[in-house]
C-alpha atoms as a PDB file:
ATOM      1  CA  MET A   1     -67.812  -8.596  45.356  1.00  0.00           C
ATOM      2  CA  GLY A   2     -71.189 -10.303  46.183  1.00  0.00           C
ATOM      3  CA  LEU A   3     -73.786  -8.905  48.450  1.00  0.00           C
ATOM      4  CA  PHE A   4     -71.861 -10.209  51.570  1.00  0.00           C
ATOM      5  CA  ARG A   5     -68.284 -10.402  50.539  1.00  0.00           C
ATOM      6  CA  PHE A   6     -65.886  -7.729  49.693  1.00  0.00           C
ATOM      7  CA  ASP A   7     -62.960  -7.418  47.332  1.00  0.00           C
ATOM      8  CA  THR A   8     -60.904  -4.897  49.824  1.00  0.00           C
ATOM      9  CA  PRO A   9     -58.895  -6.561  52.940  1.00  0.00           C
ATOM     10  CA  GLN A  10     -60.909  -5.553  55.931  1.00  0.00           C
ATOM     11  CA  LYS A  11     -59.607  -5.208  58.832  1.00  0.00           C
ATOM     12  CA  VAL A  12     -59.752  -6.854  62.082  1.00  0.00           C
ATOM     13  CA  PHE A  13     -58.723  -4.972  65.506  1.00  0.00           C
ATOM     14  CA  ASN A  14     -58.120  -6.320  68.834  1.00  0.00           C
ATOM     15  CA  ILE A  15     -59.705  -4.376  71.942  1.00  0.00           C
ATOM     16  CA  TRP A  16     -58.349  -6.329  75.042  1.00  0.00           C
ATOM     17  CA  GLY A  17     -59.420  -9.760  74.123  1.00  0.00           C
ATOM     18  CA  ALA A  18     -62.371  -8.454  71.531  1.00  0.00           C
ATOM     19  CA  GLN A  19     -61.476  -8.878  68.132  1.00  0.00           C
ATOM     20  CA  VAL A  20     -63.881  -6.885  65.455  1.00  0.00           C
ATOM     21  CA  GLY A  21     -63.883  -6.368  61.639  1.00  0.00           C
ATOM     22  CA  GLY A  22     -63.734  -8.844  59.124  1.00  0.00           C
ATOM     23  CA  GLN A  23     -65.545 -10.328  56.030  1.00  0.00           C
ATOM     24  CA  PRO A  24     -69.268 -10.254  57.029  1.00  0.00           C
ATOM     25  CA  GLY A  25     -70.258 -13.863  58.678  1.00  0.00           C
ATOM     26  CA  GLU A  26     -66.693 -14.473  59.593  1.00  0.00           C
ATOM     27  CA  ARG A  27     -67.717 -13.219  63.510  1.00  0.00           C
ATOM     28  CA  PRO A  28     -70.022 -11.972  65.010  1.00  0.00           C
ATOM     29  CA  PRO A  29     -70.494  -8.393  65.926  1.00  0.00           C
ATOM     30  CA  LEU A  30     -69.139  -6.635  69.300  1.00  0.00           C
ATOM     31  CA  LEU A  31     -71.991  -5.563  71.319  1.00  0.00           C
ATOM     32  CA  MET A  32     -71.430  -2.667  72.724  1.00  0.00           C
ATOM     33  CA  PHE A  33     -74.021  -2.297  76.468  1.00  0.00           C
ATOM     34  CA  ASN A  34     -74.237   0.446  78.556  1.00  0.00           C
ATOM     35  CA  MET A  35     -74.637   1.286  82.245  1.00  0.00           C
ATOM     36  CA  PHE A  36     -75.683   4.262  84.620  1.00  0.00           C
ATOM     37  CA  GLN A  37     -77.766   5.651  81.424  1.00  0.00           C
ATOM     38  CA  THR A  38     -80.739   8.529  82.040  1.00  0.00           C
ATOM     39  CA  LYS A  39     -83.461   7.143  83.553  1.00  0.00           C
ATOM     40  CA  ASP A  40     -81.666   3.824  84.627  1.00  0.00           C
ATOM     41  CA  LYS A  41     -83.808   3.144  87.797  1.00  0.00           C
ATOM     42  CA  LEU A  42     -79.861   1.356  89.370  1.00  0.00           C
ATOM     43  CA  VAL A  43     -78.802   5.108  89.656  1.00  0.00           C
ATOM     44  CA  LYS A  44     -80.078   6.639  92.615  1.00  0.00           C
ATOM     45  CA  LYS A  45     -78.451  10.326  91.842  1.00  0.00           C
ATOM     46  CA  ARG A  46     -75.711  11.718  89.761  1.00  0.00           C
ATOM     47  CA  LYS A  47     -74.322  14.215  92.330  1.00  0.00           C
ATOM     48  CA  PRO A  48     -72.754  12.664  94.034  1.00  0.00           C
ATOM     49  CA  PRO A  49     -72.618   9.899  92.208  1.00  0.00           C
ATOM     50  CA  GLU A  50     -74.905   6.864  93.616  1.00  0.00           C
ATOM     51  CA  TRP A  51     -76.146   3.868  92.920  1.00  0.00           C
ATOM     52  CA  ASP A  52     -76.955  -0.003  93.116  1.00  0.00           C
ATOM     53  CA  ARG A  53     -73.845  -1.365  93.628  1.00  0.00           C
ATOM     54  CA  GLU A  54     -74.420  -5.313  93.842  1.00  0.00           C
ATOM     55  CA  ALA A  55     -77.980  -5.353  91.124  1.00  0.00           C
ATOM     56  CA  TYR A  56     -75.076  -3.406  89.140  1.00  0.00           C
ATOM     57  CA  THR A  57     -72.180  -6.116  89.841  1.00  0.00           C
ATOM     58  CA  GLN A  58     -74.721  -8.859  88.865  1.00  0.00           C
ATOM     59  CA  ARG A  59     -75.602  -7.229  85.139  1.00  0.00           C
ATOM     60  CA  VAL A  60     -72.085  -6.826  85.093  1.00  0.00           C
ATOM     61  CA  LYS A  61     -71.490 -10.587  86.155  1.00  0.00           C
ATOM     62  CA  GLU A  62     -74.511 -11.559  83.483  1.00  0.00           C
ATOM     63  CA  ILE A  63     -73.040 -10.226  80.786  1.00  0.00           C
ATOM     64  CA  GLU A  64     -69.939 -11.780  80.867  1.00  0.00           C
ATOM     65  CA  LYS A  65     -72.135 -15.075  81.558  1.00  0.00           C
ATOM     66  CA  LEU A  66     -74.001 -14.661  78.283  1.00  0.00           C
ATOM     67  CA  SER A  67     -70.939 -13.383  76.011  1.00  0.00           C
ATOM     68  CA  VAL A  68     -69.007 -16.777  76.619  1.00  0.00           C
ATOM     69  CA  GLU A  69     -72.348 -18.908  76.592  1.00  0.00           C
ATOM     70  CA  PHE A  70     -73.622 -16.670  72.868  1.00  0.00           C
ATOM     71  CA  GLY A  71     -70.292 -16.927  71.434  1.00  0.00           C
ATOM     72  CA  ILE A  72     -70.367 -12.828  71.067  1.00  0.00           C
ATOM     73  CA  PRO A  73     -67.856 -10.450  72.635  1.00  0.00           C
ATOM     74  CA  VAL A  74     -68.902  -7.696  74.260  1.00  0.00           C
ATOM     75  CA  LEU A  75     -67.896  -3.535  75.572  1.00  0.00           C
ATOM     76  CA  VAL A  76     -69.285  -2.046  78.644  1.00  0.00           C
ATOM     77  CA  GLY A  77     -70.250   1.686  77.856  1.00  0.00           C
ATOM     78  CA  LEU A  78     -70.480   3.430  80.817  1.00  0.00           C
ATOM     79  CA  VAL A  79     -72.957   6.545  80.815  1.00  0.00           C
ATOM     80  CA  ALA A  80     -70.804   9.271  82.600  1.00  0.00           C
ATOM     81  CA  PRO A  81     -72.160  13.115  81.965  1.00  0.00           C
ATOM     82  CA  THR A  82     -69.270  14.472  84.394  1.00  0.00           C
ATOM     83  CA  GLU A  83     -65.713  13.812  85.210  1.00  0.00           C
ATOM     84  CA  GLU A  84     -66.676  13.038  89.132  1.00  0.00           C
ATOM     85  CA  GLU A  85     -69.607  10.280  87.386  1.00  0.00           C
ATOM     86  CA  MET A  86     -67.177   9.087  84.717  1.00  0.00           C
ATOM     87  CA  ILE A  87     -64.330   8.433  87.919  1.00  0.00           C
ATOM     88  CA  ALA A  88     -66.683   6.821  90.248  1.00  0.00           C
ATOM     89  CA  TYR A  89     -68.434   4.708  87.633  1.00  0.00           C
ATOM     90  CA  THR A  90     -64.653   3.533  85.964  1.00  0.00           C
ATOM     91  CA  GLU A  91     -63.674   2.827  89.150  1.00  0.00           C
ATOM     92  CA  PHE A  92     -66.170   0.627  90.222  1.00  0.00           C
ATOM     93  CA  PHE A  93     -66.094  -1.484  86.832  1.00  0.00           C
ATOM     94  CA  LEU A  94     -62.242  -2.415  87.121  1.00  0.00           C
ATOM     95  CA  SER A  95     -63.158  -3.492  90.336  1.00  0.00           C
ATOM     96  CA  VAL A  96     -66.174  -5.851  89.101  1.00  0.00           C
ATOM     97  CA  SER A  97     -64.883  -6.786  85.879  1.00  0.00           C
ATOM     98  CA  ASN A  98     -61.674  -7.449  84.759  1.00  0.00           C
ATOM     99  CA  LYS A  99     -62.603  -9.733  81.449  1.00  0.00           C
ATOM    100  CA  LEU A 100     -64.600  -6.923  79.180  1.00  0.00           C
ATOM    101  CA  PRO A 101     -63.308  -3.950  77.235  1.00  0.00           C
ATOM    102  CA  PHE A 102     -64.877  -0.441  78.227  1.00  0.00           C
ATOM    103  CA  GLY A 103     -65.696   2.849  77.082  1.00  0.00           C
ATOM    104  CA  VAL A 104     -66.830   6.619  78.649  1.00  0.00           C
ATOM    105  CA  ASP A 105     -69.981   7.602  76.762  1.00  0.00           C
ATOM    106  CA  THR A 106     -70.596  10.623  77.260  1.00  0.00           C
ATOM    107  CA  TRP A 107     -71.815  13.774  74.970  1.00  0.00           C
ATOM    108  CA  THR A 108     -69.315  17.038  75.152  1.00  0.00           C
ATOM    109  CA  LEU A 109     -65.973  17.107  73.988  1.00  0.00           C
ATOM    110  CA  GLU A 110     -64.406  18.702  77.121  1.00  0.00           C
ATOM    111  CA  ALA A 111     -66.241  15.168  79.260  1.00  0.00           C
ATOM    112  CA  ARG A 112     -64.701  12.883  76.518  1.00  0.00           C
ATOM    113  CA  LEU A 113     -61.270  14.165  77.171  1.00  0.00           C
ATOM    114  CA  ALA A 114     -61.346  14.010  80.299  1.00  0.00           C
ATOM    115  CA  ALA A 115     -61.609  10.608  80.817  1.00  0.00           C
ATOM    116  CA  ALA A 116     -58.764   9.877  78.198  1.00  0.00           C
ATOM    117  CA  ARG A 117     -56.896  12.088  80.596  1.00  0.00           C
ATOM    118  CA  TYR A 118     -57.997  10.148  83.250  1.00  0.00           C
ATOM    119  CA  ILE A 119     -57.709   6.148  81.746  1.00  0.00           C
ATOM    120  CA  SER A 120     -54.327   7.102  80.410  1.00  0.00           C
ATOM    121  CA  LYS A 121     -53.236   8.180  84.264  1.00  0.00           C
ATOM    122  CA  LEU A 122     -54.319   4.381  85.533  1.00  0.00           C
ATOM    123  CA  GLY A 123     -52.683   3.524  82.726  1.00  0.00           C
ATOM    124  CA  ILE A 124     -54.878   1.035  81.089  1.00  0.00           C
ATOM    125  CA  GLN A 125     -55.217   2.631  77.410  1.00  0.00           C
ATOM    126  CA  LYS A 126     -54.787  -1.234  76.067  1.00  0.00           C
ATOM    127  CA  ARG A 127     -58.675  -2.140  77.684  1.00  0.00           C
ATOM    128  CA  PHE A 128     -60.330   1.535  76.858  1.00  0.00           C
ATOM    129  CA  ASN A 129     -62.299   2.234  73.475  1.00  0.00           C
ATOM    130  CA  TYR A 130     -62.527   6.527  73.024  1.00  0.00           C
ATOM    131  CA  ASN A 131     -65.934   7.243  72.467  1.00  0.00           C
ATOM    132  CA  SER A 132     -65.896   9.564  69.998  1.00  0.00           C
ATOM    133  CA  ILE A 133     -64.325  11.709  67.376  1.00  0.00           C
ATOM    134  CA  THR A 134     -67.496  13.133  65.959  1.00  0.00           C
ATOM    135  CA  ALA A 135     -67.890  15.431  62.814  1.00  0.00           C
ATOM    136  CA  TRP A 136     -69.203  18.493  65.120  1.00  0.00           C
ATOM    137  CA  ASP A 137     -65.788  18.207  66.849  1.00  0.00           C
ATOM    138  CA  PRO A 138     -64.200  21.396  66.509  1.00  0.00           C
ATOM    139  CA  ASP A 139     -60.810  20.927  66.510  1.00  0.00           C
ATOM    140  CA  ILE A 140     -60.355  17.412  65.128  1.00  0.00           C
ATOM    141  CA  PRO A 141     -56.508  16.884  64.869  1.00  0.00           C
ATOM    142  CA  GLY A 142     -55.865  18.930  67.781  1.00  0.00           C
ATOM    143  CA  GLN A 143     -57.999  16.287  69.767  1.00  0.00           C
ATOM    144  CA  VAL A 144     -56.346  13.552  67.672  1.00  0.00           C
ATOM    145  CA  ALA A 145     -52.950  14.222  68.952  1.00  0.00           C
ATOM    146  CA  GLU A 146     -53.839  14.560  72.189  1.00  0.00           C
ATOM    147  CA  LEU A 147     -55.393  11.270  72.486  1.00  0.00           C
ATOM    148  CA  ARG A 148     -52.465  10.248  70.883  1.00  0.00           C
ATOM    149  CA  SER A 149     -49.964  11.482  73.634  1.00  0.00           C
ATOM    150  CA  LEU A 150     -52.125   9.987  75.920  1.00  0.00           C
ATOM    151  CA  GLY A 151     -51.164   6.948  74.709  1.00  0.00           C
ATOM    152  CA  ILE A 152     -54.912   6.118  73.558  1.00  0.00           C
ATOM    153  CA  ARG A 153     -55.248   3.427  70.845  1.00  0.00           C
ATOM    154  CA  SER A 154     -58.727   2.907  70.275  1.00  0.00           C
ATOM    155  CA  VAL A 155     -61.668   5.142  69.186  1.00  0.00           C
ATOM    156  CA  ILE A 156     -64.311   5.624  67.407  1.00  0.00           C
ATOM    157  CA  LEU A 157     -64.843   8.232  64.272  1.00  0.00           C
ATOM    158  CA  GLN A 158     -68.814   9.391  64.040  1.00  0.00           C
ATOM    159  CA  PRO A 159     -69.380  11.250  60.619  1.00  0.00           C
ATOM    160  CA  PHE A 160     -72.351  13.245  59.820  1.00  0.00           C
ATOM    161  CA  ASP A 161     -72.912  16.033  57.388  1.00  0.00           C
ATOM    162  CA  MET A 162     -75.880  18.278  57.776  1.00  0.00           C
ATOM    163  CA  GLU A 163     -75.937  19.402  54.521  1.00  0.00           C
ATOM    164  CA  ASP A 164     -76.345  15.331  53.108  1.00  0.00           C
ATOM    165  CA  LYS A 165     -77.668  12.951  55.128  1.00  0.00           C
ATOM    166  CA  ARG A 166     -78.035  10.612  53.073  1.00  0.00           C
ATOM    167  CA  PRO A 167     -74.840   7.702  53.353  1.00  0.00           C
ATOM    168  CA  SER A 168     -72.892   9.571  50.698  1.00  0.00           C
ATOM    169  CA  GLY A 169     -72.935  12.666  53.200  1.00  0.00           C
ATOM    170  CA  ARG A 170     -71.237  10.401  55.688  1.00  0.00           C
ATOM    171  CA  MET A 171     -68.475   9.397  53.417  1.00  0.00           C
ATOM    172  CA  LYS A 172     -67.619  12.824  52.529  1.00  0.00           C
ATOM    173  CA  SER A 173     -67.468  13.520  56.772  1.00  0.00           C
ATOM    174  CA  LEU A 174     -65.502  10.888  57.208  1.00  0.00           C
ATOM    175  CA  GLU A 175     -63.043  11.148  54.238  1.00  0.00           C
ATOM    176  CA  GLN A 176     -62.290  14.228  56.054  1.00  0.00           C
ATOM    177  CA  MET A 177     -62.321  13.047  59.468  1.00  0.00           C
ATOM    178  CA  MET A 178     -59.222  10.446  57.996  1.00  0.00           C
ATOM    179  CA  ALA A 179     -57.239  12.671  56.667  1.00  0.00           C
ATOM    180  CA  SER A 180     -56.783  13.687  60.651  1.00  0.00           C
ATOM    181  CA  VAL A 181     -56.349   9.945  61.807  1.00  0.00           C
ATOM    182  CA  GLU A 182     -54.589   8.360  59.558  1.00  0.00           C
ATOM    183  CA  GLY A 183     -51.156   7.838  60.222  1.00  0.00           C
ATOM    184  CA  ALA A 184     -52.170   8.870  63.853  1.00  0.00           C
ATOM    185  CA  GLY A 185     -51.087   5.456  65.450  1.00  0.00           C
ATOM    186  CA  PHE A 186     -54.135   3.946  66.328  1.00  0.00           C
ATOM    187  CA  GLU A 187     -54.535   0.526  66.534  1.00  0.00           C
ATOM    188  CA  SER A 188     -58.285   0.678  66.274  1.00  0.00           C
ATOM    189  CA  VAL A 189     -59.787   2.409  64.599  1.00  0.00           C
ATOM    190  CA  LEU A 190     -64.450   1.812  64.434  1.00  0.00           C
ATOM    191  CA  VAL A 191     -66.623   3.936  62.242  1.00  0.00           C
ATOM    192  CA  ASP A 192     -69.894   4.334  63.109  1.00  0.00           C
ATOM    193  CA  THR A 193     -72.277   5.612  60.549  1.00  0.00           C
ATOM    194  CA  THR A 194     -74.411   7.840  62.686  1.00  0.00           C
ATOM    195  CA  VAL A 195     -78.178   7.083  63.292  1.00  0.00           C
ATOM    196  CA  MET A 196     -80.818   9.723  64.001  1.00  0.00           C
ATOM    197  CA  ASN A 197     -84.520   7.891  64.095  1.00  0.00           C
ATOM    198  CA  LEU A 198     -85.334   4.595  62.814  1.00  0.00           C
ATOM    199  CA  PRO A 199     -86.196   5.311  58.853  1.00  0.00           C
ATOM    200  CA  THR A 200     -82.935   6.010  58.585  1.00  0.00           C
ATOM    201  CA  HIS A 201     -81.327   3.755  59.833  1.00  0.00           C
ATOM    202  CA  GLY A 202     -81.969   2.460  56.643  1.00  0.00           C
ATOM    203  CA  PHE A 203     -78.675   5.372  55.301  1.00  0.00           C
ATOM    204  CA  CYS A 204     -76.705   3.847  58.251  1.00  0.00           C
ATOM    205  CA  LEU A 205     -76.942   0.432  56.852  1.00  0.00           C
ATOM    206  CA  LEU A 206     -75.726   0.984  53.472  1.00  0.00           C
ATOM    207  CA  ALA A 207     -73.278   3.753  54.992  1.00  0.00           C
ATOM    208  CA  ASN A 208     -71.729   0.455  56.533  1.00  0.00           C
ATOM    209  CA  ARG A 209     -71.236  -1.034  53.694  1.00  0.00           C
ATOM    210  CA  MET A 210     -69.412   1.527  51.914  1.00  0.00           C
ATOM    211  CA  VAL A 211     -66.725   1.749  54.501  1.00  0.00           C
ATOM    212  CA  LYS A 212     -66.582  -1.759  54.117  1.00  0.00           C
ATOM    213  CA  GLU A 213     -65.852  -1.460  50.837  1.00  0.00           C
ATOM    214  CA  GLU A 214     -64.126   1.652  50.836  1.00  0.00           C
ATOM    215  CA  TYR A 215     -61.875   1.420  53.712  1.00  0.00           C
ATOM    216  CA  GLY A 216     -61.725  -1.744  55.034  1.00  0.00           C
ATOM    217  CA  LEU A 217     -62.947  -0.881  58.744  1.00  0.00           C
ATOM    218  CA  PRO A 218     -65.406  -1.630  60.924  1.00  0.00           C
ATOM    219  CA  ALA A 219     -68.805  -0.247  60.187  1.00  0.00           C
ATOM    220  CA  GLY A 220     -71.595  -0.067  62.633  1.00  0.00           C
ATOM    221  CA  ASN A 221     -73.745   2.521  64.424  1.00  0.00           C
ATOM    222  CA  ALA A 222     -76.807   2.172  67.275  1.00  0.00           C
ATOM    223  CA  PRO A 223     -79.541   0.478  66.530  1.00  0.00           C
ATOM    224  CA  ALA A 224     -80.514   1.050  69.859  1.00  0.00           C
ATOM    225  CA  ASN A 225     -80.932   4.598  69.506  1.00  0.00           C
ATOM    226  CA  ALA A 226     -83.188   3.996  67.022  1.00  0.00           C
ATOM    227  CA  SER A 227     -85.727   1.321  68.555  1.00  0.00           C
ATOM    228  CA  TYR A 228     -85.547   3.363  72.070  1.00  0.00           C
ATOM    229  CA  MET A 229     -86.840   6.776  69.996  1.00  0.00           C
ATOM    230  CA  TRP A 230     -89.877   4.897  68.584  1.00  0.00           C
ATOM    231  CA  THR A 231     -91.610   5.433  72.052  1.00  0.00           C
ATOM    232  CA  ASN A 232     -95.099   4.392  70.867  1.00  0.00           C
ATOM    233  CA  CYS A 233     -94.691   1.297  70.022  1.00  0.00           C
ATOM    234  CA  LEU A 234     -94.196   1.121  73.979  1.00  0.00           C
ATOM    235  CA  LYS A 235     -96.541   3.212  74.611  1.00  0.00           C
ATOM    236  CA  ASN A 236     -99.383   1.855  71.806  1.00  0.00           C
ATOM    237  CA  TRP A 237     -98.799  -1.819  72.368  1.00  0.00           C
ATOM    238  CA  GLY A 238     -96.716  -2.512  75.262  1.00  0.00           C
ATOM    239  CA  PRO A 239     -93.305  -3.924  76.485  1.00  0.00           C
ATOM    240  CA  GLU A 240     -93.675  -7.102  74.222  1.00  0.00           C
ATOM    241  CA  ALA A 241     -94.083  -4.972  71.077  1.00  0.00           C
ATOM    242  CA  PHE A 242     -91.335  -2.938  71.651  1.00  0.00           C
ATOM    243  CA  ARG A 243     -88.715  -6.043  72.936  1.00  0.00           C
ATOM    244  CA  GLY A 244     -89.072  -7.979  69.463  1.00  0.00           C
ATOM    245  CA  MET A 245     -88.662  -4.911  67.588  1.00  0.00           C
ATOM    246  CA  ASP A 246     -85.371  -3.814  69.358  1.00  0.00           C
ATOM    247  CA  ALA A 247     -84.629  -7.648  68.950  1.00  0.00           C
ATOM    248  CA  GLY A 248     -85.502  -7.042  65.528  1.00  0.00           C
ATOM    249  CA  MET A 249     -83.879  -3.912  65.550  1.00  0.00           C
ATOM    250  CA  SER A 250     -79.949  -5.814  66.274  1.00  0.00           C
ATOM    251  CA  ALA A 251     -80.477  -8.924  64.037  1.00  0.00           C
ATOM    252  CA  LEU A 252     -81.350  -6.784  60.506  1.00  0.00           C
ATOM    253  CA  SER A 253     -78.137  -4.979  61.498  1.00  0.00           C
ATOM    254  CA  THR A 254     -76.032  -7.717  61.936  1.00  0.00           C
ATOM    255  CA  VAL A 255     -77.156  -9.103  58.816  1.00  0.00           C
ATOM    256  CA  LEU A 256     -76.653  -5.544  57.147  1.00  0.00           C
ATOM    257  CA  TRP A 257     -72.636  -4.764  57.417  1.00  0.00           C
ATOM    258  CA  SER A 258     -72.144  -4.315  61.461  1.00  0.00           C
ATOM    259  CA  ASP A 259     -69.174  -5.258  61.975  1.00  0.00           C
ATOM    260  CA  TRP A 260     -70.099  -3.607  65.692  1.00  0.00           C
ATOM    261  CA  MET A 261     -73.430  -1.998  67.309  1.00  0.00           C
ATOM    262  CA  GLN A 262     -74.177  -0.472  70.381  1.00  0.00           C
ATOM    263  CA  CYS A 263     -77.303  -2.218  71.726  1.00  0.00           C
ATOM    264  CA  GLY A 264     -78.638   0.305  74.814  1.00  0.00           C
ATOM    265  CA  PRO A 265     -79.008  -0.812  78.548  1.00  0.00           C
ATOM    266  CA  MET A 266     -77.946  -4.067  79.929  1.00  0.00           C
ATOM    267  CA  THR A 267     -81.653  -5.092  80.915  1.00  0.00           C
ATOM    268  CA  GLY A 268     -82.032  -5.867  77.480  1.00  0.00           C
ATOM    269  CA  MET A 269     -78.743  -8.188  76.831  1.00  0.00           C
ATOM    270  CA  ARG A 270     -80.544 -11.148  76.532  1.00  0.00           C
ATOM    271  CA  ARG A 271     -83.021 -10.661  74.007  1.00  0.00           C
ATOM    272  CA  VAL A 272     -80.458  -9.247  72.316  1.00  0.00           C
ATOM    273  CA  PHE A 273     -77.988 -11.737  72.515  1.00  0.00           C
ATOM    274  CA  ALA A 274     -79.828 -14.224  71.199  1.00  0.00           C
ATOM    275  CA  ALA A 275     -81.362 -12.189  67.954  1.00  0.00           C
ATOM    276  CA  VAL A 276     -77.736 -11.337  67.152  1.00  0.00           C
ATOM    277  CA  ALA A 277     -76.703 -14.912  67.556  1.00  0.00           C
ATOM    278  CA  ALA A 278     -79.342 -15.957  65.109  1.00  0.00           C
ATOM    279  CA  ALA A 279     -78.377 -13.676  62.272  1.00  0.00           C
ATOM    280  CA  THR A 280     -74.918 -14.122  62.479  1.00  0.00           C
ATOM    281  CA  ALA A 281     -75.541 -17.734  61.975  1.00  0.00           C
ATOM    282  CA  ILE A 282     -77.785 -16.597  59.174  1.00  0.00           C
ATOM    283  CA  LEU A 283     -74.909 -14.162  57.574  1.00  0.00           C
ATOM    284  CA  ALA A 284     -72.305 -16.832  57.531  1.00  0.00           C
ATOM    285  CA  VAL A 285     -73.973 -18.938  55.630  1.00  0.00           C
ATOM    286  CA  MET A 286     -75.080 -16.526  52.884  1.00  0.00           C
ATOM    287  CA  ALA A 287     -71.576 -15.584  52.616  1.00  0.00           C
ATOM    288  CA  TRP A 288     -70.320 -19.204  52.260  1.00  0.00           C
ATOM    289  CA  GLU A 289     -73.131 -19.512  49.098  1.00  0.00           C
ATOM    290  CA  GLU A 290     -71.359 -16.387  47.905  1.00  0.00           C
ATOM    291  CA  GLY A 291     -67.978 -18.638  48.113  1.00  0.00           C
ATOM    292  CA  ALA A 292     -66.667 -17.630  51.301  1.00  0.00           C
ATOM    293  CA  ASP A 293     -65.664 -20.593  53.706  1.00  0.00           C
ATOM    294  CA  LEU A 294     -67.614 -21.498  56.621  1.00  0.00           C
ATOM    295  CA  PRO A 295     -65.906 -19.561  60.069  1.00  0.00           C
ATOM    296  CA  GLU A 296     -63.584 -22.238  61.888  1.00  0.00           C
ATOM    297  CA  ASP A 297     -63.818 -20.654  64.878  1.00  0.00           C
ATOM    298  CA  PRO A 298     -65.865 -23.581  67.210  1.00  0.00           C
ATOM    299  CA  ASN A 299     -67.211 -20.178  69.668  1.00  0.00           C
ATOM    300  CA  HIS A 300     -68.565 -18.938  66.059  1.00  0.00           C
ATOM    301  CA  PRO A 301     -72.642 -18.710  66.861  1.00  0.00           C
ATOM    302  CA  LEU A 302     -73.099 -21.040  64.209  1.00  0.00           C
ATOM    303  CA  ASN A 303     -70.864 -23.432  65.183  1.00  0.00           C
ATOM    304  CA  LYS A 304     -72.036 -23.305  68.919  1.00  0.00           C
ATOM    305  CA  HIS A 305     -75.106 -23.590  68.510  1.00  0.00           C
ATOM    306  CA  TRP A 306     -75.746 -25.657  65.343  1.00  0.00           C
ATOM    307  CA  PRO A 307     -72.992 -28.266  64.812  1.00  0.00           C
ATOM    308  CA  GLU A 308     -74.924 -30.317  62.917  1.00  0.00           C
ATOM    309  CA  GLU A 309     -76.277 -28.281  60.403  1.00  0.00           C
ATOM    310  CA  VAL A 310     -72.668 -27.078  60.432  1.00  0.00           C
ATOM    311  CA  ALA A 311     -71.765 -30.630  59.067  1.00  0.00           C
ATOM    312  CA  ILE A 312     -74.982 -31.177  56.659  1.00  0.00           C
ATOM    313  CA  ILE A 313     -73.863 -27.943  54.808  1.00  0.00           C
ATOM    314  CA  ARG A 314     -69.750 -29.146  55.025  1.00  0.00           C
ATOM    315  CA  GLY A 315     -71.365 -32.548  53.402  1.00  0.00           C
ATOM    316  CA  MET A 316     -73.297 -30.176  50.631  1.00  0.00           C
ATOM    317  CA  LYS A 317     -72.204 -30.980  46.666  1.00  0.00           C
ATOM    318  CA  GLU A 318     -71.866 -28.104  44.300  1.00  0.00           C
ATOM    319  CA  SER A 319     -74.034 -27.042  41.894  1.00  0.00           C
ATOM    320  CA  LYS A 320     -74.267 -25.060  38.904  1.00  0.00           C
ATOM    321  CA  GLY A 321     -77.330 -23.381  40.212  1.00  0.00           C
ATOM    322  CA  ASP A 322     -75.375 -22.312  43.451  1.00  0.00           C
ATOM    323  CA  ARG A 323     -74.120 -18.492  43.163  1.00  0.00           C
ATOM    324  CA  ALA A 324     -70.915 -20.317  45.163  1.00  0.00           C
ATOM    325  CA  TYR A 325     -69.977 -22.723  42.133  1.00  0.00           C
ATOM    326  CA  ARG A 326     -70.914 -20.134  39.588  1.00  0.00           C
ATOM    327  CA  ILE A 327     -68.450 -17.453  41.091  1.00  0.00           C
ATOM    328  CA  LYS A 328     -66.342 -20.052  41.618  1.00  0.00           C
ATOM    329  CA  LYS A 329     -66.103 -20.685  37.622  1.00  0.00           C
ATOM    330  CA  GLU A 330     -65.993 -17.335  36.809  1.00  0.00           C
ATOM    331  CA  ARG A 331     -62.919 -16.983  38.942  1.00  0.00           C
ATOM    332  CA  GLU A 332     -60.904 -19.919  37.043  1.00  0.00           C
ATOM    333  CA  LYS A 333     -62.200 -18.226  33.963  1.00  0.00           C
ATOM    334  CA  GLN A 334     -60.502 -15.171  34.556  1.00  0.00           C
ATOM    335  CA  LYS A 335     -57.201 -16.618  36.241  1.00  0.00           C
ATOM    336  CA  ALA A 336     -57.694 -18.635  32.541  1.00  0.00           C
ATOM    337  CA  ALA A 337     -57.651 -15.301  30.996  1.00  0.00           C
ATOM    338  CA  ALA A 338     -55.091 -13.351  32.876  1.00  0.00           C
ATOM    339  CA  ALA A 339     -52.836 -16.435  32.109  1.00  0.00           C
ATOM    340  CA  GLY A 340     -53.063 -16.220  28.467  1.00  0.00           C
ATOM    341  CA  SER A 341     -52.211 -12.615  28.127  1.00  0.00           C
ATOM    342  CA  GLY A 342     -49.084 -12.613  30.248  1.00  0.00           C
ATOM    343  CA  SER A 343     -48.086 -14.939  27.964  1.00  0.00           C
ATOM    344  CA  ASP A 344     -48.119 -13.069  24.835  1.00  0.00           C
END
């Protein structure tokens, strides 16, 4: 196992055409952008729900277009604190997009289950990502049982330990949650390593690696939560500084073992797509140096945007100074030793 290579088999899930998971650099992370979030100027009022339908339609069409152009999959999160909003926003989203998977981003267990029941009633469970089963939920086995009965196929697990807020605590919490989820029959299980603030996002990124090493599950979190919580960045240095920092958080997360990430409002989509595409290409090259294959998918950002550089890399000769060369030779020695011991 290298820095960007896991011996543990890595699971790859498909959520309504959006693939997520695998070895680092193998595919770009799944990006989740929000609609109808708090303070969004396109939301005129919430009771009853009223919003700028034309402007939101244009945002959805733009994000579909950018997803294709950059070669990065997208999932849309509908921020809906109440059941009334959830139904209204879901109906609207389904009316303007038939291409993207989606989820309902809400805070209470009651609202999350209400969303799952509504999705089940519509019969579109394949397109829906349940966000999420959390460590704070009072009855996780009961919640899992209801989600199974509703035919929900894709879920996010959000582990956290109030006694141990380091990566080890998240792993202890995840182990407890997995006991309830394993065998439930979900087709996709993503792990959210739970962002609390910007500096301790480092704990989340290290936990990503631990999740992939231990379970092989797609790991990620919400770097946008960290960047948007640093309000003094915008206050002290203005929008340009904030946008750079926010894009940097997405790029950093891409490199450090994030199979998916929550990227905040759609207003930041252009900077995030560009940052993630660049970081994905760099990660693929670093993984290749550790012995991985270069991605074959023509839509992978590395192949899509830097085909000439890919041709140059493929033409490079192995050198005894290369890490990939050393790993290859070490594996050959291990195989030879194993074959020798088997003949005794």
